[in-house]
N, C-alpha and C. Protein backbone atom coordinates (compact mmCIF):
# COMPACT_ATOMS: atom_id res chain seq x y z
N GLY A 1 147.41 113.71 81.99
CA GLY A 1 147.10 114.66 82.77
C GLY A 1 146.22 116.03 82.30
N GLN A 2 146.08 115.84 80.77
CA GLN A 2 145.02 116.67 80.41
C GLN A 2 143.37 115.98 81.05
N GLU A 3 143.38 114.83 80.45
CA GLU A 3 142.05 114.04 80.94
C GLU A 3 141.59 114.44 82.30
N ALA A 4 142.37 114.07 83.11
CA ALA A 4 142.23 114.01 84.51
C ALA A 4 141.50 115.64 85.13
N LEU A 5 142.67 116.66 84.07
CA LEU A 5 142.34 117.70 84.81
C LEU A 5 140.72 118.34 84.30
N SER A 6 140.67 117.69 83.11
CA SER A 6 139.28 118.19 82.09
C SER A 6 138.06 117.50 83.27
N VAL A 7 137.75 116.52 83.62
CA VAL A 7 137.68 115.93 84.73
C VAL A 7 137.31 116.63 86.17
N ALA A 8 138.50 117.08 86.31
CA ALA A 8 138.05 117.83 87.72
C ALA A 8 137.98 119.10 87.90
N MET A 9 138.26 119.62 86.39
CA MET A 9 137.11 121.01 86.17
C MET A 9 135.84 121.04 85.74
N THR A 10 135.57 120.03 85.19
CA THR A 10 134.06 119.70 85.21
C THR A 10 133.30 119.61 86.34
N LEU A 11 133.87 118.33 87.29
CA LEU A 11 133.43 118.17 88.95
C LEU A 11 133.12 119.58 89.71
N ASP A 12 134.10 120.24 89.65
CA ASP A 12 134.27 121.52 90.55
C ASP A 12 133.34 122.51 90.10
N GLU A 13 133.33 122.66 88.65
CA GLU A 13 131.68 123.08 88.27
C GLU A 13 130.62 122.65 88.40
N LEU A 14 130.60 121.36 88.73
CA LEU A 14 129.05 120.93 88.80
C LEU A 14 129.05 120.84 90.52
N SER A 15 129.56 120.79 90.76
CA SER A 15 129.63 121.12 92.51
C SER A 15 129.46 122.42 92.97
N LYS A 16 129.68 123.43 92.11
CA LYS A 16 129.23 124.98 92.46
C LYS A 16 127.61 124.97 92.14
N LYS A 17 126.87 123.93 91.50
CA LYS A 17 125.33 124.10 91.15
C LYS A 17 124.59 123.09 92.16
N CYS A 18 125.06 122.00 92.41
CA CYS A 18 124.56 121.49 92.94
C CYS A 18 125.70 120.28 94.19
N THR A 19 124.88 119.74 94.97
CA THR A 19 125.65 119.43 96.11
C THR A 19 126.43 117.91 95.77
N LEU A 20 127.50 117.57 95.81
CA LEU A 20 128.30 116.68 95.36
C LEU A 20 129.26 115.95 96.31
N PRO A 21 129.42 114.90 96.84
CA PRO A 21 130.51 114.49 97.53
C PRO A 21 131.84 114.95 97.29
N PRO A 22 132.77 115.37 98.36
CA PRO A 22 133.92 115.48 98.14
C PRO A 22 134.71 114.28 97.36
N PHE A 23 135.27 114.46 96.03
CA PHE A 23 136.10 113.89 95.06
C PHE A 23 137.90 114.10 95.05
N ARG A 24 138.16 112.59 94.66
CA ARG A 24 139.28 112.77 94.34
C ARG A 24 139.66 111.83 93.32
N ILE A 25 140.28 112.36 92.01
CA ILE A 25 140.72 111.50 90.71
C ILE A 25 141.93 111.07 91.05
N VAL A 26 142.29 109.55 91.04
CA VAL A 26 143.31 108.67 90.56
C VAL A 26 143.00 108.93 89.24
N ALA A 27 144.75 109.32 88.96
CA ALA A 27 145.05 109.12 87.38
C ALA A 27 146.55 108.55 87.32
N THR A 28 146.26 107.63 85.99
CA THR A 28 147.49 106.60 85.65
C THR A 28 148.02 107.22 84.20
N ASP A 29 149.37 106.07 84.42
CA ASP A 29 149.88 106.30 82.94
C ASP A 29 150.68 105.09 82.18
N ILE A 30 150.97 104.62 82.03
CA ILE A 30 152.10 103.56 81.68
C ILE A 30 153.25 104.35 81.33
N SER A 31 153.37 105.84 80.81
CA SER A 31 154.53 106.40 80.63
C SER A 31 155.10 106.80 81.90
N GLN A 32 156.06 107.00 82.19
CA GLN A 32 156.77 108.10 83.40
C GLN A 32 157.01 109.37 82.80
N ARG A 33 157.18 109.66 81.43
CA ARG A 33 157.09 111.01 81.03
C ARG A 33 156.17 111.71 81.18
N ALA A 34 155.07 111.27 80.67
CA ALA A 34 153.07 111.66 80.69
C ALA A 34 153.37 111.81 82.15
N LEU A 35 153.33 110.93 82.97
CA LEU A 35 153.18 111.14 84.62
C LEU A 35 154.32 112.49 85.38
N ALA A 36 155.40 112.43 85.13
CA ALA A 36 156.23 113.56 85.38
C ALA A 36 155.37 114.76 84.80
N LYS A 37 155.24 114.97 83.59
CA LYS A 37 154.25 115.91 82.95
C LYS A 37 153.31 116.41 83.49
N ALA A 38 152.71 115.40 83.93
CA ALA A 38 151.16 115.88 84.80
C ALA A 38 151.62 115.92 85.94
N SER A 39 152.60 115.75 86.66
CA SER A 39 152.75 115.51 88.18
C SER A 39 153.22 117.03 88.10
N SER A 40 153.87 117.63 87.18
CA SER A 40 154.63 119.10 87.09
C SER A 40 153.40 119.96 87.66
N GLY A 41 152.16 119.65 86.49
CA GLY A 41 150.86 120.72 86.82
C GLY A 41 151.28 122.20 85.77
N ILE A 42 152.54 121.90 84.70
CA ILE A 42 152.92 123.13 84.06
C ILE A 42 152.31 123.04 82.49
N TYR A 43 152.04 123.52 82.13
CA TYR A 43 151.64 123.05 80.61
C TYR A 43 151.45 124.79 79.92
N SER A 44 152.09 124.37 78.63
CA SER A 44 152.60 125.33 77.76
C SER A 44 151.22 126.26 77.46
N ASP A 45 151.46 127.49 76.66
CA ASP A 45 150.42 128.30 75.96
C ASP A 45 149.50 127.42 75.01
N PHE A 46 150.65 127.00 74.26
CA PHE A 46 149.88 125.92 73.26
C PHE A 46 148.70 125.12 73.94
N GLU A 47 149.15 124.16 74.89
CA GLU A 47 148.31 123.04 75.42
C GLU A 47 147.29 123.90 76.17
N THR A 48 147.12 124.65 76.50
CA THR A 48 146.16 125.81 77.39
C THR A 48 145.41 126.00 76.11
N ARG A 49 146.08 126.45 75.49
CA ARG A 49 144.95 126.97 73.90
C ARG A 49 143.43 125.95 73.67
N ARG A 50 144.02 124.86 73.54
CA ARG A 50 143.29 123.63 72.97
C ARG A 50 142.14 123.51 73.85
N GLY A 51 141.14 123.75 73.60
CA GLY A 51 140.10 123.27 73.85
C GLY A 51 140.04 123.86 75.28
N LEU A 52 140.22 124.83 76.05
CA LEU A 52 140.32 125.81 77.30
C LEU A 52 139.67 127.25 76.98
N ASP A 53 138.78 127.38 77.72
CA ASP A 53 138.47 128.72 77.41
C ASP A 53 139.05 129.75 78.13
N ASP A 54 139.43 131.19 77.63
CA ASP A 54 140.00 132.02 79.23
C ASP A 54 139.79 132.21 80.21
N VAL A 55 137.93 131.84 80.33
CA VAL A 55 137.53 132.30 81.99
C VAL A 55 137.90 130.87 82.61
N ARG A 56 137.59 129.67 81.84
CA ARG A 56 138.64 128.27 82.68
C ARG A 56 140.04 128.42 82.82
N LYS A 57 140.73 129.14 81.69
CA LYS A 57 142.45 128.96 81.90
C LYS A 57 142.52 130.17 83.22
N HIS A 58 141.55 131.40 83.65
CA HIS A 58 142.35 131.66 84.53
C HIS A 58 141.86 131.49 85.75
N ARG A 59 140.65 130.28 85.79
CA ARG A 59 140.21 130.21 86.90
C ARG A 59 140.99 128.76 87.91
N TYR A 60 141.37 128.05 86.97
CA TYR A 60 142.34 126.89 87.05
C TYR A 60 143.60 127.02 86.96
N PHE A 61 144.39 127.79 86.66
CA PHE A 61 145.55 127.91 85.94
C PHE A 61 146.61 129.13 86.58
N ARG A 62 147.51 129.52 86.83
CA ARG A 62 148.23 130.90 87.10
C ARG A 62 149.06 130.90 86.02
N ALA A 63 149.80 132.11 85.94
CA ALA A 63 151.22 132.20 85.23
C ALA A 63 152.39 131.88 85.74
N HIS A 64 152.92 131.19 84.90
CA HIS A 64 154.02 130.72 85.63
C HIS A 64 154.90 130.76 84.07
N PRO A 65 156.49 131.17 84.15
CA PRO A 65 157.49 131.24 83.83
C PRO A 65 157.60 130.78 82.24
N ASP A 66 157.02 129.35 82.73
CA ASP A 66 157.04 128.33 81.42
C ASP A 66 155.63 127.97 80.98
N GLY A 67 154.58 128.83 80.71
CA GLY A 67 153.34 128.76 80.61
C GLY A 67 152.42 128.87 81.61
N TRP A 68 152.22 127.94 81.97
CA TRP A 68 150.39 128.06 83.03
C TRP A 68 150.70 126.95 83.84
N GLU A 69 150.38 127.65 85.16
CA GLU A 69 150.39 126.11 86.29
C GLU A 69 149.30 126.29 86.88
N VAL A 70 148.97 124.74 87.03
CA VAL A 70 147.37 124.23 87.41
C VAL A 70 147.35 124.87 89.18
N ARG A 71 146.36 125.27 89.25
CA ARG A 71 145.92 125.99 90.65
C ARG A 71 146.13 124.91 91.94
N PRO A 72 146.95 125.17 92.93
CA PRO A 72 146.95 124.09 94.08
C PRO A 72 145.38 123.51 94.30
N GLU A 73 144.19 124.39 94.30
CA GLU A 73 143.17 124.03 94.81
C GLU A 73 142.96 122.54 93.94
N LEU A 74 143.00 122.95 92.75
CA LEU A 74 142.75 121.71 91.40
C LEU A 74 143.36 120.89 91.69
N ARG A 75 144.69 121.06 91.87
CA ARG A 75 145.96 119.78 91.39
C ARG A 75 145.35 118.92 92.37
N SER A 76 145.24 119.43 94.11
CA SER A 76 145.00 118.65 95.29
C SER A 76 143.69 117.39 94.91
N LYS A 77 143.30 117.54 93.71
CA LYS A 77 142.08 116.85 93.74
C LYS A 77 142.27 115.89 93.12
N ILE A 78 143.64 115.90 92.12
CA ILE A 78 143.58 114.74 91.19
C ILE A 78 145.14 114.03 91.94
């Protein structure tokens, strides 16, 4: 789930600098557990701190009782 989110964030940021066609990312995994985790869109503080600066964290996530939830605007692209 995190890899697809990273790509989606990069494309979203790029689309603000130049014209891109609309995009949608198809993410797959052999692990049902990994798919369930990614589908929930909820990540712990630890997960969001690894390689994600505060600006992006607040732009693409919102606080959730279990950590941080991916904002619907980004989730809808994956």
